[in-house]
């Protein structure tokens, strides 16, 4: 459960950084 949360947090951070730069690429 903890590992899944860490992975989710990492994916969210990557998605937020990608959207903040302007390239809104939403991973499927």
N, C-alpha and C. Protein backbone atom coordinates (compact mmCIF):
# COMPACT_ATOMS: atom_id res chain seq x y z
N UNK A 1 0.84 -1.20 0.00
CA UNK A 1 0.00 0.00 0.00
C UNK A 1 0.87 1.26 0.00
N UNK A 2 1.92 1.23 0.82
CA UNK A 2 2.80 2.39 0.92
C UNK A 2 3.52 2.63 -0.40
N UNK A 3 3.97 1.55 -1.02
CA UNK A 3 4.69 1.67 -2.29
C UNK A 3 3.78 2.24 -3.37
N UNK A 4 2.54 1.80 -3.37
CA UNK A 4 1.57 2.30 -4.35
C UNK A 4 1.34 3.80 -4.17
N UNK A 5 1.29 4.24 -2.93
CA UNK A 5 1.10 5.66 -2.66
C UNK A 5 2.28 6.49 -3.14
N UNK A 6 3.48 5.95 -2.96
CA UNK A 6 4.69 6.65 -3.40
C UNK A 6 4.71 6.77 -4.92
N UNK A 7 4.34 5.69 -5.59
CA UNK A 7 4.31 5.69 -7.06
C UNK A 7 3.25 6.68 -7.55
N UNK A 8 2.09 6.69 -6.90
CA UNK A 8 1.03 7.62 -7.27
C UNK A 8 1.48 9.05 -7.08
N UNK A 9 2.15 9.33 -5.98
CA UNK A 9 2.64 10.68 -5.71
C UNK A 9 3.66 11.10 -6.76
N UNK A 10 4.54 10.18 -7.15
CA UNK A 10 5.55 10.48 -8.16
C UNK A 10 4.90 10.78 -9.50
N UNK A 11 3.90 9.98 -9.88
CA UNK A 11 3.19 10.21 -11.14
C UNK A 11 2.46 11.53 -11.13
N UNK A 12 1.83 11.86 -10.00
CA UNK A 12 1.12 13.13 -9.87
C UNK A 12 2.08 14.30 -10.01
N UNK A 13 3.25 14.18 -9.38
CA UNK A 13 4.25 15.25 -9.45
C UNK A 13 4.73 15.45 -10.88
N UNK A 14 5.00 14.33 -11.57
CA UNK A 14 5.45 14.41 -12.97
C UNK A 14 4.37 15.04 -13.84
N UNK A 15 3.11 14.66 -13.61
CA UNK A 15 2.01 15.19 -14.40
C UNK A 15 1.83 16.69 -14.15
N UNK A 16 1.93 17.08 -12.89
CA UNK A 16 1.78 18.50 -12.55
C UNK A 16 2.90 19.33 -13.15
N UNK A 17 4.10 18.82 -13.14
CA UNK A 17 5.23 19.57 -13.70
C UNK A 17 5.10 19.67 -15.21
N UNK A 18 4.60 18.62 -15.84
CA UNK A 18 4.43 18.63 -17.30
C UNK A 18 3.34 19.60 -17.70
N UNK A 19 2.29 19.71 -16.90
CA UNK A 19 1.19 20.61 -17.23
C UNK A 19 1.59 22.05 -16.92
N UNK A 20 2.41 22.26 -15.92
CA UNK A 20 2.82 23.61 -15.55
C UNK A 20 3.75 24.21 -16.60
N UNK A 21 4.48 23.36 -17.31
CA UNK A 21 5.40 23.84 -18.33
C UNK A 21 4.64 24.22 -19.60
N UNK A 22 3.40 23.76 -19.72
CA UNK A 22 2.59 24.14 -20.88
C UNK A 22 2.19 22.94 -21.72
N UNK A 23 2.99 21.90 -21.71
CA UNK A 23 2.65 20.72 -22.50
C UNK A 23 1.72 19.81 -21.70
N UNK A 24 0.43 19.98 -21.93
CA UNK A 24 -0.55 19.22 -21.17
C UNK A 24 -0.69 17.82 -21.76
N UNK A 25 0.19 16.94 -21.37
CA UNK A 25 0.14 15.56 -21.87
C UNK A 25 -0.37 14.66 -20.75
N UNK A 26 -1.65 14.30 -20.83
CA UNK A 26 -2.24 13.47 -19.78
C UNK A 26 -1.97 12.00 -20.08
N UNK A 27 -1.23 11.34 -19.21
CA UNK A 27 -0.94 9.91 -19.41
C UNK A 27 -2.19 9.05 -19.29
N UNK A 28 -2.36 8.12 -20.19
CA UNK A 28 -3.56 7.29 -20.19
C UNK A 28 -3.51 6.26 -19.07
